Every structure is written in C-alpha cells, then in structure tokens.
Amino acid sequence: MDLGARALYLAGMDKKPPLILYLAAPRGFCAGVDRAVQIVELALQKWGAPVYVRHEIVHNRFVVDGLRDKGAVFVEELDEVPGDRPVIFSAHGVPKSVPAEARRREMVFVDATCPLVSKVHIEAERHHAEGLQMVMIGHAGHPEVLGTMGQLPPGEVILVETVEDVAQVMPRDPDRLAWITQTTLSVDDTAQIVAALQARFPAIVGPAKDDICYATTNRQAAVKAIAPKIDALLVIGAPNSSNSKRLVEVGRSAGCDYAQLVMRAADIDWRALEGIRSVGVTAGASAPEVLVDEVIAAFADRYDLTVELVETAQERVEFKVPRVLREA
C-alpha cells in the first residue's frame, strides 16, 4: 500500500459514524426537585453542617452525593437525628407521625415535600373527612406512597398497583370510595386502572385535577414524541426513581424496543448500541442537566453527532422555599 492509499485508509478508520441524537424536552429537574435541593442548600447556609435529611431528598445518587459533600447527612429514620440539629423531610413526603414526633422532640425541621404531593395528601384528608375510604394507585414501598397512606389512620387507604389488583379490593362500602394516585406513575397505565375502578365501583370519586404531576406527564409525552424516530432510548435517572423507570416503560410501549435506564455516561452499554443511526435521550425529574450534558459529550466522542431538540411543552412552574429559609 503506497503512502497516499495508507493515508486514505487511516482517515477512513478515524471517521466517526453519523448519529442523530433526539433530545427530549421537557426533561430533568422539575420544580419540586429543584425546590427540595434548594431547601437543603439553604438550610446548610442558615444552620451550618451537619443538616440531617430523612431519606434521600430526591432519588438521584449524583445529587445526594453532592449535598453530602456540602454537609448533608442522610438517614432513614428520625431517631438517627440528634435533637440539636435541624432535619429536612424529603420531597416524597412523610407520614403524619414523622413531623408529630419531631414536634414532640422539639426539633427544628423543614418539610421539603413537593407541593403536588402535598396536594394529594390534602385530597386524601378531605375525602376522609367526608367519610370516604381511599383507593390509592401506586407502588408498594415507595416513599411517596408510604407518606400518603400515612396521612390517614390504618385501613383507610387501600393500595392497588395493577388492573388485576382492582378485583381484589374489598372496601367497607363500595358506594363510599375515592381514588388518588402517586404523582410519578405511567399516565397510560394509571388510566387503565382508573377505568377498572370506575367499572367496578361506579360511585367512586376522583380528584378534581389529575394527581400525576405535570412534570411526569410532560416527560412521558416527550418520550412518546421521539420514540418512533429512534433506534434506542436512554433515560438518565436512578434505579429507585419511579418517574425515570416509567419513562423507560413508556419508550418501549411507544415503539422503541431498546430503552434503558442509565445513571450517567459511564453506565452506557456501547456494545448494545452498535449499528444504531439515531438515539433518544431524556432524563427523569430528579436528574440534573449536567448529567445530560455528560451523556451528549460521550456520544460526541464516538459519533459524528447531530443533536435535534424535540420539545413538546414548556415548563415555567416554580415553587417557593419555606419562609424560614427565604432570608438565607
């Protein structure tokens, strides 16, 4: 091979394959997550380290580790918190017994529960005051579900996870029921469960406005928009993040056979992506944009990359931090 041919051969070896990356919008942090992270940061400014947080403030290791480096200490139960240090309750919400115990111990505490989760708590209490028993659609063991069920006395909330569960519901009075949901569910799956509840219990009362939050709904709609265009979908988020896992499911249901959850760029399975011509990227509501940038950069290292934004909604929602922290 002469020098000219060798140069052309090596140039061809170095040439990156073309790839279109469809970037979903909206994606990443929602207003409730942004508020919760601000609450921890402002609490550290106001009271200094350590500030304790009951459960992960949001379900994202990168975010939690960053706050830990600043002085936040994450615990699972209130009895792990010294009485002389402030404690913050996570964005997922807590049972009523938790702030009650904090008051009994005369602790300084800040509730970072997402206002849209608090809305569901208020709905549950209102229906309970009217003598209705709750049926909650959600995932057993999820902190938000535990927090919502913990707003009412034992037995007042029946949890269902699937359409099949509806057949097993045994209420006190089938004509005195109301339904509520976890805020981070699949919109389509939840609609099927609600339809099953309404078919079995025609008198069941629903929320005035859908309990599934705007951010969950918007991110799922964006994934549905890009799914037909792509060979693979990557959802940036944590394995314990409900809304992130739902995005993977929505992508598959919308026609993208290869949809995977990755915490960050280092988790991408490049072998599984060999031969693709297009990829979709989105991020769960607790994943910061820096992780999206990291994934895009990883693709740019390997491909001749074209990025196309697919925007299905614009979000301008903001939630204020509690008054006690505003001056901080």
Foldseek 3Di string as FASTA:
>chain_A
DDPVVVVVVVVVVPAFAEAEEEEFPPFAADQLLVQLLVQLVLLCVVPNADEEEAAQLAFAPVSSVVSVVRHYHYDNAPVVDDQAHEYEYHQLAAAPVRVVVNVVSPHHYFYSHRVLLVVLLVVLVVLVVVVAAEEEAEDPPQRNVNRSVNSDDPPRYHYDHALVCLVVDDDPDLLRYEYAYRQQAQPVRVVSNVVSSCVVRVNYHYDPDHSHDPQLVQLLVRLLVCLVVWQAEEEAGHPSHRSSVNSQVSSCVSHHVHYYYDNAQVRDDVVVVPPIRYYYYHYHNNRDCVRVVRNVVSVVVRHVYDYHYDYDDDDDDHDDGDPVSPVD
